């Protein structure tokens, strides 16, 4: 995981650099599996200045869409609190508070309307900022299972940590250890068909739609990492449609679609189209019909 250790300040003088500029492509499509509890696209995109994100609403009916839109609005209203010229540690603290504030704002809205009681949303964001040493960073908070990747030397690297079922409070009653978690995830990753999953792996896999935390239930603890940002870097934000592949397969798809100086709009469409096809494949035991949202950002 990038961002485990923050850079240490020094007294070396540096020349002022031009701020990075960005090329962006984004797509958000509604699930073909339309039901009374999922009548519309509950995902929301955030593309604003030097900040980019995807949010995957949950709660059914109007709740999911309302939650993702509320979170986007709150985050946009407070992003200016992450200021250039600050330390990475301070920026991490500030972006965490913004996500926690969004969590509270959604919860407060839900308390006004019983039909919104279960609403919540995942969120993953990239906020580019310049630290007190004039270095550019990508600050990456996330809650839930929406992901951020970085394409580095042609390889797709997952920057975020999923808040999956293993992080849900209910997991405690099943007594899974960290070693159990590692083994079960490896079994799910390597499975070619559902019959390859043993009882424990099948149990976990059947609960892949359950997230360990989200924005909206009043107790979110955001994961925050950071990565150096340089001209030529490409970042990818996605909702959980990556589950139509195993992790290695989805990473390969990203690498093939975003190789070299690939056109970002074409790359985004290629990724969505491939996952859409996988979601319809009756031979693919991972097939999952859902809303699909992606943002690709290239720094220049």
Protein backbone atom coordinates (compact mmCIF):
# COMPACT_ATOMS: atom_id res chain seq x y z
CA UNK A 1 0.00 0.00 0.00
CA UNK A 2 1.42 3.40 -0.95
CA UNK A 3 1.47 6.16 1.61
CA UNK A 4 2.57 4.27 4.72
CA UNK A 5 5.23 6.84 5.55
CA UNK A 6 4.83 10.57 5.02
CA UNK A 7 7.73 12.57 3.57
CA UNK A 8 9.90 14.35 6.10
CA UNK A 9 10.34 18.12 5.74
CA UNK A 10 13.79 19.55 5.08
CA UNK A 11 15.27 22.98 4.57
CA UNK A 12 16.32 22.50 0.97
CA UNK A 13 15.13 25.29 -1.28
CA UNK A 14 13.14 24.19 -4.32
CA UNK A 15 12.07 26.00 -7.43
CA UNK A 16 8.36 26.63 -7.83
CA UNK A 17 6.81 24.17 -10.28
CA UNK A 18 3.84 24.46 -12.55
CA UNK A 19 0.75 22.75 -11.16
CA UNK A 20 -0.24 19.55 -12.85
CA UNK A 21 -3.02 19.66 -15.39
CA UNK A 22 -5.37 16.75 -16.01
CA UNK A 23 -7.07 14.88 -18.80
CA UNK A 24 -10.22 13.13 -17.60
CA UNK A 25 -12.65 10.55 -18.92
CA UNK A 26 -15.73 9.36 -17.06
CA UNK A 27 -18.66 7.04 -17.65
CA UNK A 28 -21.58 6.05 -15.43
CA UNK A 29 -24.24 3.60 -16.64
CA UNK A 30 -27.32 2.18 -14.99
CA UNK A 31 -27.65 -1.51 -14.25
CA UNK A 32 -29.71 -3.47 -16.75
CA UNK A 33 -31.20 -5.30 -13.76
CA UNK A 34 -33.89 -2.73 -12.91
CA UNK A 35 -36.03 -3.60 -9.89
CA UNK A 36 -38.42 -1.67 -7.59
CA UNK A 37 -35.62 -1.37 -5.06
CA UNK A 38 -33.09 -0.32 -7.72
CA UNK A 39 -35.03 1.79 -10.24
CA UNK A 40 -32.21 4.14 -11.26
CA UNK A 41 -28.46 4.62 -11.39
CA UNK A 42 -27.47 5.06 -7.75
CA UNK A 43 -23.86 5.94 -8.57
CA UNK A 44 -22.63 9.53 -8.60
CA UNK A 45 -19.50 10.97 -10.22
CA UNK A 46 -17.40 13.80 -8.84
CA UNK A 47 -15.24 15.71 -11.33
CA UNK A 48 -14.28 19.17 -10.14
CA UNK A 49 -11.01 21.04 -10.59
CA UNK A 50 -8.30 18.94 -8.96
CA UNK A 51 -10.67 16.43 -7.32
CA UNK A 52 -12.23 13.31 -8.80
CA UNK A 53 -14.38 10.57 -7.33
CA UNK A 54 -16.98 7.85 -7.67
CA UNK A 55 -19.71 7.08 -5.14
CA UNK A 56 -21.91 3.98 -5.11
CA UNK A 57 -25.22 4.57 -3.33
CA UNK A 58 -26.95 1.86 -1.30
CA UNK A 59 -30.30 1.54 0.37
CA UNK A 60 -32.69 0.95 -2.49
CA UNK A 61 -35.34 3.13 -4.11
CA UNK A 62 -34.55 6.83 -3.60
CA UNK A 63 -32.16 6.11 -0.72
CA UNK A 64 -29.09 5.01 -2.65
CA UNK A 65 -29.08 7.86 -5.14
CA UNK A 66 -29.89 10.38 -2.43
CA UNK A 67 -26.98 9.18 -0.31
CA UNK A 68 -24.39 9.34 -3.08
CA UNK A 69 -25.59 12.80 -4.16
CA UNK A 70 -25.54 14.10 -0.58
CA UNK A 71 -22.01 12.82 -0.07
CA UNK A 72 -20.85 14.43 -3.31
CA UNK A 73 -22.43 17.75 -2.36
CA UNK A 74 -20.92 17.75 1.13
CA UNK A 75 -17.45 16.79 -0.10
CA UNK A 76 -17.48 19.49 -2.79
CA UNK A 77 -18.58 22.10 -0.24
CA UNK A 78 -15.59 21.29 1.98
CA UNK A 79 -12.76 20.35 -0.38
CA UNK A 80 -11.32 23.86 -0.21
CA UNK A 81 -10.27 23.00 3.35
CA UNK A 82 -7.47 20.87 1.86
CA UNK A 83 -5.07 23.69 1.02
CA UNK A 84 -1.82 23.75 -0.90
CA UNK A 85 1.27 24.44 1.17
CA UNK A 86 0.27 22.18 4.04
CA UNK A 87 1.94 18.96 5.18
CA UNK A 88 0.77 15.59 3.96
CA UNK A 89 -0.19 14.66 7.53
CA UNK A 90 -2.43 17.72 7.83
CA UNK A 91 -4.01 17.03 4.45
CA UNK A 92 -4.79 13.45 5.49
CA UNK A 93 -6.37 14.69 8.73
CA UNK A 94 -8.47 17.25 6.86
CA UNK A 95 -9.76 14.90 4.16
CA UNK A 96 -10.65 12.35 6.87
CA UNK A 97 -12.73 14.97 8.66
CA UNK A 98 -14.51 15.83 5.41
CA UNK A 99 -15.50 12.19 4.87
CA UNK A 100 -16.64 11.89 8.49
CA UNK A 101 -18.68 15.06 8.01
CA UNK A 102 -20.32 13.58 4.91
CA UNK A 103 -21.13 10.46 6.93
CA UNK A 104 -22.90 12.58 9.53
CA UNK A 105 -24.73 14.66 6.94
CA UNK A 106 -26.26 11.58 5.31
CA UNK A 107 -27.20 10.10 8.67
CA UNK A 108 -28.90 13.37 9.69
CA UNK A 109 -30.90 13.40 6.45
CA UNK A 110 -31.99 9.79 6.97
CA UNK A 111 -33.29 10.60 10.44
CA UNK A 112 -35.81 12.98 8.87
CA UNK A 113 -37.40 10.30 6.67
CA UNK A 114 -37.97 6.66 7.75
CA UNK A 115 -37.86 5.52 4.12
CA UNK A 116 -34.21 6.62 3.97
CA UNK A 117 -33.19 4.79 7.14
CA UNK A 118 -30.81 2.34 5.46
CA UNK A 119 -29.32 4.65 2.88
CA UNK A 120 -25.56 4.98 2.58
CA UNK A 121 -22.85 5.21 -0.03
CA UNK A 122 -19.34 4.08 -0.75
CA UNK A 123 -16.89 6.77 -1.82
CA UNK A 124 -13.40 6.95 -3.25
CA UNK A 125 -11.76 10.26 -4.06
CA UNK A 126 -8.52 11.60 -5.45
CA UNK A 127 -7.65 15.11 -4.37
CA UNK A 128 -4.47 16.50 -5.87
CA UNK A 129 -2.59 19.02 -3.76
CA UNK A 130 0.86 20.54 -3.35
CA UNK A 131 2.62 20.15 -0.01
CA UNK A 132 4.83 22.57 1.92
CA UNK A 133 7.87 21.41 -0.07
CA UNK A 134 6.14 22.14 -3.40
CA UNK A 135 5.66 18.44 -4.17
CA UNK A 136 2.48 17.23 -5.86
CA UNK A 137 0.50 14.46 -4.18
CA UNK A 138 -2.63 12.45 -4.86
CA UNK A 139 -4.57 12.21 -1.61
CA UNK A 140 -6.88 9.18 -1.72
CA UNK A 141 -9.59 8.60 0.92
CA UNK A 142 -12.09 5.76 0.59
CA UNK A 143 -14.97 4.15 2.46
CA UNK A 144 -16.58 0.95 1.20
CA UNK A 145 -15.51 -1.15 -1.77
CA UNK A 146 -15.10 1.43 -4.54
CA UNK A 147 -11.45 1.42 -5.60
CA UNK A 148 -8.57 3.58 -6.81
CA UNK A 149 -5.79 2.24 -9.02
CA UNK A 150 -2.61 3.78 -10.35
CA UNK A 151 -1.07 2.69 -13.64
CA UNK A 152 2.66 2.61 -12.95
CA UNK A 153 5.22 1.28 -15.46
CA UNK A 154 2.37 -0.40 -17.31
CA UNK A 155 1.09 -2.17 -14.18
CA UNK A 156 -2.21 -1.51 -12.40
CA UNK A 157 -1.64 -1.07 -8.67
CA UNK A 158 -4.59 -0.98 -6.27
CA UNK A 159 -4.09 2.01 -3.97
CA UNK A 160 -7.14 1.57 -1.75
CA UNK A 161 -8.12 -1.05 0.80
CA UNK A 162 -11.59 -2.57 0.43
CA UNK A 163 -14.01 -2.30 3.34
CA UNK A 164 -15.44 -5.74 2.58
CA UNK A 165 -17.43 -8.26 4.62
CA UNK A 166 -14.33 -9.12 6.66
CA UNK A 167 -14.53 -5.60 8.09
CA UNK A 168 -18.23 -5.81 8.92
CA UNK A 169 -19.09 -5.99 12.64
CA UNK A 170 -21.10 -9.18 12.03
CA UNK A 171 -17.95 -11.03 10.94
CA UNK A 172 -16.84 -11.30 14.58
CA UNK A 173 -19.50 -13.88 15.36
CA UNK A 174 -18.03 -16.27 12.79
CA UNK A 175 -14.58 -16.34 14.37
CA UNK A 176 -12.51 -15.88 11.19
CA UNK A 177 -8.83 -15.16 11.84
CA UNK A 178 -6.56 -13.02 9.65
CA UNK A 179 -5.03 -16.24 8.33
CA UNK A 180 -8.52 -17.52 7.48
CA UNK A 181 -9.25 -14.27 5.65
CA UNK A 182 -6.06 -14.55 3.59
CA UNK A 183 -6.72 -18.18 2.63
CA UNK A 184 -10.38 -17.62 1.76
CA UNK A 185 -9.60 -14.58 -0.38
CA UNK A 186 -6.93 -16.54 -2.24
CA UNK A 187 -9.39 -19.37 -2.87
CA UNK A 188 -11.99 -16.93 -4.22
CA UNK A 189 -9.38 -15.19 -6.38
CA UNK A 190 -8.17 -18.45 -7.93
CA UNK A 191 -11.58 -20.11 -8.42
CA UNK A 192 -12.55 -20.87 -12.02
CA UNK A 193 -16.12 -21.87 -11.14
CA UNK A 194 -18.41 -21.72 -8.14
CA UNK A 195 -17.86 -25.43 -7.50
CA UNK A 196 -14.21 -24.60 -6.71
CA UNK A 197 -15.28 -22.75 -3.56
CA UNK A 198 -15.36 -24.70 -0.31
CA UNK A 199 -17.95 -23.99 2.39
CA UNK A 200 -16.10 -21.06 3.97
CA UNK A 201 -15.14 -19.44 0.67
CA UNK A 202 -18.66 -19.86 -0.72
CA UNK A 203 -20.10 -18.31 2.45
CA UNK A 204 -17.84 -15.25 2.11
CA UNK A 205 -18.32 -15.00 -1.64
CA UNK A 206 -22.11 -14.99 -1.29
CA UNK A 207 -21.71 -11.90 0.91
CA UNK A 208 -19.50 -9.91 -1.45
CA UNK A 209 -22.25 -7.28 -1.72
CA UNK A 210 -21.90 -6.48 2.01
CA UNK A 211 -19.47 -3.69 2.85
CA UNK A 212 -17.75 -3.29 6.18
CA UNK A 213 -18.59 0.40 6.35
CA UNK A 214 -20.12 3.18 4.30
CA UNK A 215 -20.91 6.87 4.53
CA UNK A 216 -24.31 7.43 6.15
CA UNK A 217 -24.49 5.19 9.19
CA UNK A 218 -22.69 7.55 11.55
CA UNK A 219 -19.52 5.63 12.33
CA UNK A 220 -17.33 5.78 9.22
CA UNK A 221 -13.56 5.61 9.68
CA UNK A 222 -12.07 6.59 6.29
CA UNK A 223 -9.04 4.82 4.90
CA UNK A 224 -6.61 7.43 3.54
CA UNK A 225 -3.49 6.81 1.51
CA UNK A 226 -1.41 9.08 -0.70
CA UNK A 227 0.80 8.73 -3.73
CA UNK A 228 3.30 11.03 -5.46
CA UNK A 229 1.71 12.65 -8.51
CA UNK A 230 3.82 13.35 -11.57
CA UNK A 231 3.19 14.21 -15.18
CA UNK A 232 2.29 11.03 -17.03
CA UNK A 233 0.69 9.30 -14.05
CA UNK A 234 -2.72 7.75 -14.66
CA UNK A 235 -5.24 7.04 -11.90
CA UNK A 236 -8.46 5.03 -12.18
CA UNK A 237 -11.49 5.20 -9.88
CA UNK A 238 -14.19 2.51 -10.11
CA UNK A 239 -17.30 1.29 -8.35
CA UNK A 240 -17.53 -2.43 -7.62
CA UNK A 241 -18.22 -3.63 -11.17
CA UNK A 242 -14.63 -4.95 -11.09
CA UNK A 243 -16.18 -8.00 -9.34
CA UNK A 244 -17.12 -9.40 -12.76
CA UNK A 245 -13.44 -10.42 -12.88
CA UNK A 246 -11.04 -11.73 -10.29
CA UNK A 247 -8.55 -9.09 -9.15
CA UNK A 248 -5.78 -10.22 -11.50
CA UNK A 249 -8.15 -10.27 -14.46
CA UNK A 250 -9.43 -6.76 -13.80
CA UNK A 251 -5.93 -5.40 -13.34
CA UNK A 252 -4.96 -6.92 -16.68
CA UNK A 253 -7.99 -5.28 -18.30
CA UNK A 254 -6.91 -1.89 -16.92
CA UNK A 255 -3.34 -2.38 -18.14
CA UNK A 256 -4.45 -3.33 -21.65
CA UNK A 257 -7.00 -0.52 -21.93
CA UNK A 258 -4.74 2.24 -20.59
CA UNK A 259 -1.42 1.29 -22.16
CA UNK A 260 0.93 4.05 -23.31
CA UNK A 261 -0.86 7.22 -24.35
CA UNK A 262 -4.22 5.54 -24.93
CA UNK A 263 -7.18 7.81 -25.50
CA UNK A 264 -8.88 7.99 -22.10
CA UNK A 265 -12.44 8.13 -23.41
CA UNK A 266 -11.81 5.02 -25.49
CA UNK A 267 -10.10 3.32 -22.53
CA UNK A 268 -13.02 4.03 -20.20
CA UNK A 269 -15.49 2.67 -22.75
CA UNK A 270 -13.38 -0.44 -23.32
CA UNK A 271 -13.29 -1.19 -19.58
CA UNK A 272 -17.03 -0.65 -19.10
CA UNK A 273 -17.93 -2.65 -22.22
CA UNK A 274 -15.75 -5.58 -21.15
CA UNK A 275 -17.29 -5.69 -17.69
CA UNK A 276 -20.79 -5.30 -19.10
CA UNK A 277 -20.17 -8.29 -21.36
CA UNK A 278 -18.82 -10.29 -18.40
CA UNK A 279 -21.92 -9.41 -16.35
CA UNK A 280 -24.11 -11.07 -19.00
CA UNK A 281 -21.96 -14.18 -19.40
CA UNK A 282 -23.89 -17.12 -17.97
CA UNK A 283 -20.65 -19.13 -17.81
CA UNK A 284 -19.03 -16.49 -15.60
CA UNK A 285 -19.84 -17.34 -11.99
CA UNK A 286 -18.65 -13.86 -11.00
CA UNK A 287 -21.22 -12.17 -13.25
CA UNK A 288 -22.85 -9.26 -11.47
CA UNK A 289 -25.33 -6.82 -13.00
CA UNK A 290 -24.99 -3.44 -11.35
CA UNK A 291 -24.49 0.24 -12.02
CA UNK A 292 -20.99 0.85 -13.39
CA UNK A 293 -18.99 4.05 -12.93
CA UNK A 294 -15.40 4.91 -13.80
CA UNK A 295 -13.20 8.00 -13.79
CA UNK A 296 -9.76 7.95 -15.42
CA UNK A 297 -7.39 10.83 -14.67
CA UNK A 298 -4.05 11.44 -16.40
CA UNK A 299 -1.69 14.06 -14.97
CA UNK A 300 0.19 16.27 -17.43
